Amino acid sequence: MKDQVEKKKGYRRRKIGEYRCQCCKQKQEFCWSCPCGFQICKECFEENKWGLSNGPTWVCPDCERIRMM
């Protein structure tokens, strides 16, 4: 059991149900997320896709990192 815990040590753990969209301020089951903390839900992402996305990538409006979808 100790070996299993040590293997997972370096990986990020998914926090299920702790998403909150930065645009609509609603709790969501899923949001597109950036390591800087920015989160946007699917509906808001689709509304703002023209300013965020360039095909298979999107740009975080807070830190301007390029993220894969």
N, C-alpha and C. Protein backbone atom coordinates (compact mmCIF):
# COMPACT_ATOMS: atom_id res chain seq x y z
N MET A 1 0.82 -1.19 0.00
CA MET A 1 0.00 0.00 0.00
C MET A 1 0.87 1.26 0.00
N LYS A 2 1.96 1.23 0.73
CA LYS A 2 2.84 2.39 0.80
C LYS A 2 3.44 2.72 -0.57
N ASP A 3 3.75 1.69 -1.36
CA ASP A 3 4.29 1.90 -2.70
C ASP A 3 3.30 2.61 -3.61
N GLN A 4 2.02 2.29 -3.48
CA GLN A 4 0.99 2.92 -4.31
C GLN A 4 0.87 4.40 -3.98
N VAL A 5 0.97 4.75 -2.72
CA VAL A 5 0.88 6.14 -2.30
C VAL A 5 2.08 6.93 -2.84
N GLU A 6 3.26 6.34 -2.79
CA GLU A 6 4.45 7.02 -3.27
C GLU A 6 4.42 7.24 -4.77
N LYS A 7 3.83 6.34 -5.53
CA LYS A 7 3.75 6.49 -6.98
C LYS A 7 2.89 7.68 -7.36
N LYS A 8 1.81 7.94 -6.64
CA LYS A 8 0.89 9.02 -6.95
C LYS A 8 1.36 10.38 -6.43
N LYS A 9 2.44 10.39 -5.68
CA LYS A 9 2.88 11.58 -5.00
C LYS A 9 3.10 12.79 -5.92
N GLY A 10 3.69 12.58 -7.10
CA GLY A 10 4.02 13.68 -7.99
C GLY A 10 2.90 14.11 -8.93
N TYR A 11 1.79 13.43 -8.90
CA TYR A 11 0.72 13.74 -9.83
C TYR A 11 -0.34 14.61 -9.17
N ARG A 12 -0.94 15.48 -9.99
CA ARG A 12 -2.05 16.28 -9.48
C ARG A 12 -3.27 15.41 -9.32
N ARG A 13 -4.02 15.66 -8.29
CA ARG A 13 -5.26 14.92 -8.07
C ARG A 13 -6.42 15.75 -8.54
N ARG A 14 -7.35 15.13 -9.23
CA ARG A 14 -8.53 15.82 -9.72
C ARG A 14 -9.49 16.09 -8.56
N LYS A 15 -9.94 17.30 -8.47
CA LYS A 15 -10.89 17.69 -7.43
C LYS A 15 -12.29 17.70 -8.06
N ILE A 16 -12.99 16.61 -7.92
CA ILE A 16 -14.31 16.46 -8.54
C ILE A 16 -15.33 17.32 -7.81
N GLY A 17 -16.10 18.08 -8.59
CA GLY A 17 -17.17 18.89 -8.04
C GLY A 17 -16.74 20.22 -7.45
N GLU A 18 -15.51 20.61 -7.65
CA GLU A 18 -15.04 21.87 -7.10
C GLU A 18 -14.77 22.90 -8.20
N TYR A 19 -15.54 22.85 -9.25
CA TYR A 19 -15.38 23.81 -10.34
C TYR A 19 -16.33 24.98 -10.15
N ARG A 20 -15.86 26.19 -10.42
CA ARG A 20 -16.71 27.38 -10.41
C ARG A 20 -16.29 28.25 -11.57
N CYS A 21 -17.23 28.48 -12.48
CA CYS A 21 -16.95 29.27 -13.68
C CYS A 21 -16.65 30.72 -13.31
N GLN A 22 -15.59 31.29 -13.88
CA GLN A 22 -15.21 32.68 -13.62
C GLN A 22 -16.17 33.66 -14.30
N CYS A 23 -16.88 33.21 -15.34
CA CYS A 23 -17.78 34.10 -16.07
C CYS A 23 -19.17 34.17 -15.44
N CYS A 24 -19.81 33.01 -15.27
CA CYS A 24 -21.18 33.00 -14.74
C CYS A 24 -21.24 32.81 -13.23
N LYS A 25 -20.10 32.53 -12.59
CA LYS A 25 -19.98 32.36 -11.14
C LYS A 25 -20.80 31.20 -10.57
N GLN A 26 -21.17 30.24 -11.41
CA GLN A 26 -21.96 29.08 -10.99
C GLN A 26 -21.04 27.89 -10.73
N LYS A 27 -21.42 27.04 -9.76
CA LYS A 27 -20.70 25.78 -9.58
C LYS A 27 -21.06 24.86 -10.73
N GLN A 28 -20.07 24.16 -11.26
CA GLN A 28 -20.26 23.30 -12.42
C GLN A 28 -19.66 21.93 -12.16
N GLU A 29 -20.10 20.94 -12.93
CA GLU A 29 -19.51 19.60 -12.85
C GLU A 29 -18.18 19.56 -13.58
N PHE A 30 -18.02 20.40 -14.62
CA PHE A 30 -16.78 20.45 -15.40
C PHE A 30 -16.54 21.87 -15.87
N CYS A 31 -15.30 22.29 -15.82
CA CYS A 31 -14.88 23.56 -16.41
C CYS A 31 -13.55 23.35 -17.10
N TRP A 32 -13.32 24.09 -18.18
CA TRP A 32 -11.99 24.15 -18.76
C TRP A 32 -11.17 24.93 -17.76
N SER A 33 -9.99 24.42 -17.42
CA SER A 33 -9.20 25.02 -16.35
C SER A 33 -7.78 25.31 -16.79
N CYS A 34 -7.18 26.31 -16.14
CA CYS A 34 -5.79 26.68 -16.36
C CYS A 34 -5.07 26.55 -15.02
N PRO A 35 -3.78 26.21 -15.02
CA PRO A 35 -3.04 26.12 -13.76
C PRO A 35 -3.04 27.42 -12.95
N CYS A 36 -3.29 28.56 -13.58
CA CYS A 36 -3.31 29.83 -12.85
C CYS A 36 -4.57 29.96 -11.99
N GLY A 37 -5.56 29.08 -12.21
CA GLY A 37 -6.78 29.13 -11.42
C GLY A 37 -8.02 29.53 -12.21
N PHE A 38 -7.84 30.01 -13.43
CA PHE A 38 -8.99 30.40 -14.26
C PHE A 38 -9.80 29.17 -14.63
N GLN A 39 -11.12 29.27 -14.52
CA GLN A 39 -12.03 28.18 -14.89
C GLN A 39 -13.19 28.77 -15.66
N ILE A 40 -13.61 28.07 -16.73
CA ILE A 40 -14.75 28.50 -17.52
C ILE A 40 -15.56 27.28 -17.92
N CYS A 41 -16.90 27.37 -17.75
CA CYS A 41 -17.77 26.23 -18.06
C CYS A 41 -17.97 26.10 -19.57
N LYS A 42 -18.53 24.98 -19.98
CA LYS A 42 -18.71 24.71 -21.41
C LYS A 42 -19.60 25.75 -22.07
N GLU A 43 -20.68 26.16 -21.41
CA GLU A 43 -21.62 27.12 -22.00
C GLU A 43 -20.96 28.48 -22.19
N CYS A 44 -20.27 28.97 -21.18
CA CYS A 44 -19.58 30.26 -21.30
C CYS A 44 -18.44 30.19 -22.30
N PHE A 45 -17.77 29.04 -22.36
CA PHE A 45 -16.69 28.86 -23.33
C PHE A 45 -17.23 28.98 -24.75
N GLU A 46 -18.37 28.34 -25.01
CA GLU A 46 -18.97 28.41 -26.35
C GLU A 46 -19.38 29.84 -26.70
N GLU A 47 -19.90 30.60 -25.73
CA GLU A 47 -20.28 31.99 -25.97
C GLU A 47 -19.06 32.87 -26.28
N ASN A 48 -17.95 32.57 -25.65
CA ASN A 48 -16.73 33.38 -25.79
C ASN A 48 -15.66 32.73 -26.64
N LYS A 49 -16.03 31.70 -27.37
CA LYS A 49 -15.06 30.93 -28.15
C LYS A 49 -14.30 31.80 -29.16
N TRP A 50 -14.95 32.79 -29.72
CA TRP A 50 -14.33 33.66 -30.71
C TRP A 50 -13.11 34.38 -30.14
N GLY A 51 -13.10 34.66 -28.85
CA GLY A 51 -11.97 35.38 -28.25
C GLY A 51 -10.98 34.50 -27.52
N LEU A 52 -11.35 33.23 -27.28
CA LEU A 52 -10.50 32.34 -26.51
C LEU A 52 -9.81 31.27 -27.33
N SER A 53 -10.51 30.75 -28.34
CA SER A 53 -10.05 29.54 -29.00
C SER A 53 -9.53 29.79 -30.41
N ASN A 54 -8.57 28.94 -30.76
CA ASN A 54 -8.01 28.96 -32.11
C ASN A 54 -7.90 27.50 -32.57
N GLY A 55 -9.04 26.85 -32.73
CA GLY A 55 -9.05 25.44 -33.13
C GLY A 55 -8.89 24.53 -31.93
N PRO A 56 -7.84 23.70 -31.91
CA PRO A 56 -7.66 22.74 -30.80
C PRO A 56 -7.05 23.36 -29.54
N THR A 57 -6.74 24.65 -29.56
CA THR A 57 -6.15 25.29 -28.40
C THR A 57 -7.02 26.45 -27.95
N TRP A 58 -6.82 26.88 -26.71
CA TRP A 58 -7.46 28.10 -26.22
C TRP A 58 -6.46 28.87 -25.37
N VAL A 59 -6.63 30.17 -25.28
CA VAL A 59 -5.71 31.03 -24.55
C VAL A 59 -6.39 31.52 -23.29
N CYS A 60 -5.75 31.30 -22.15
CA CYS A 60 -6.29 31.75 -20.87
C CYS A 60 -6.31 33.28 -20.86
N PRO A 61 -7.45 33.90 -20.57
CA PRO A 61 -7.51 35.36 -20.56
C PRO A 61 -6.78 35.99 -19.37
N ASP A 62 -6.51 35.22 -18.32
CA ASP A 62 -5.82 35.76 -17.15
C ASP A 62 -4.31 35.77 -17.31
N CYS A 63 -3.73 34.63 -17.69
CA CYS A 63 -2.26 34.53 -17.75
C CYS A 63 -1.73 34.38 -19.18
N GLU A 64 -2.63 34.25 -20.15
CA GLU A 64 -2.30 34.13 -21.58
C GLU A 64 -1.51 32.87 -21.94
N ARG A 65 -1.63 31.83 -21.12
CA ARG A 65 -1.05 30.53 -21.48
C ARG A 65 -1.88 29.88 -22.56
N ILE A 66 -1.22 29.14 -23.42
CA ILE A 66 -1.91 28.40 -24.46
C ILE A 66 -2.23 27.02 -23.91
N ARG A 67 -3.49 26.65 -23.94
CA ARG A 67 -3.96 25.39 -23.37
C ARG A 67 -4.58 24.53 -24.46
N MET A 68 -4.43 23.22 -24.32
CA MET A 68 -5.06 22.28 -25.26
C MET A 68 -6.46 21.96 -24.77
N MET A 69 -7.36 21.73 -25.70
CA MET A 69 -8.74 21.37 -25.35
C MET A 69 -8.83 19.91 -25.03
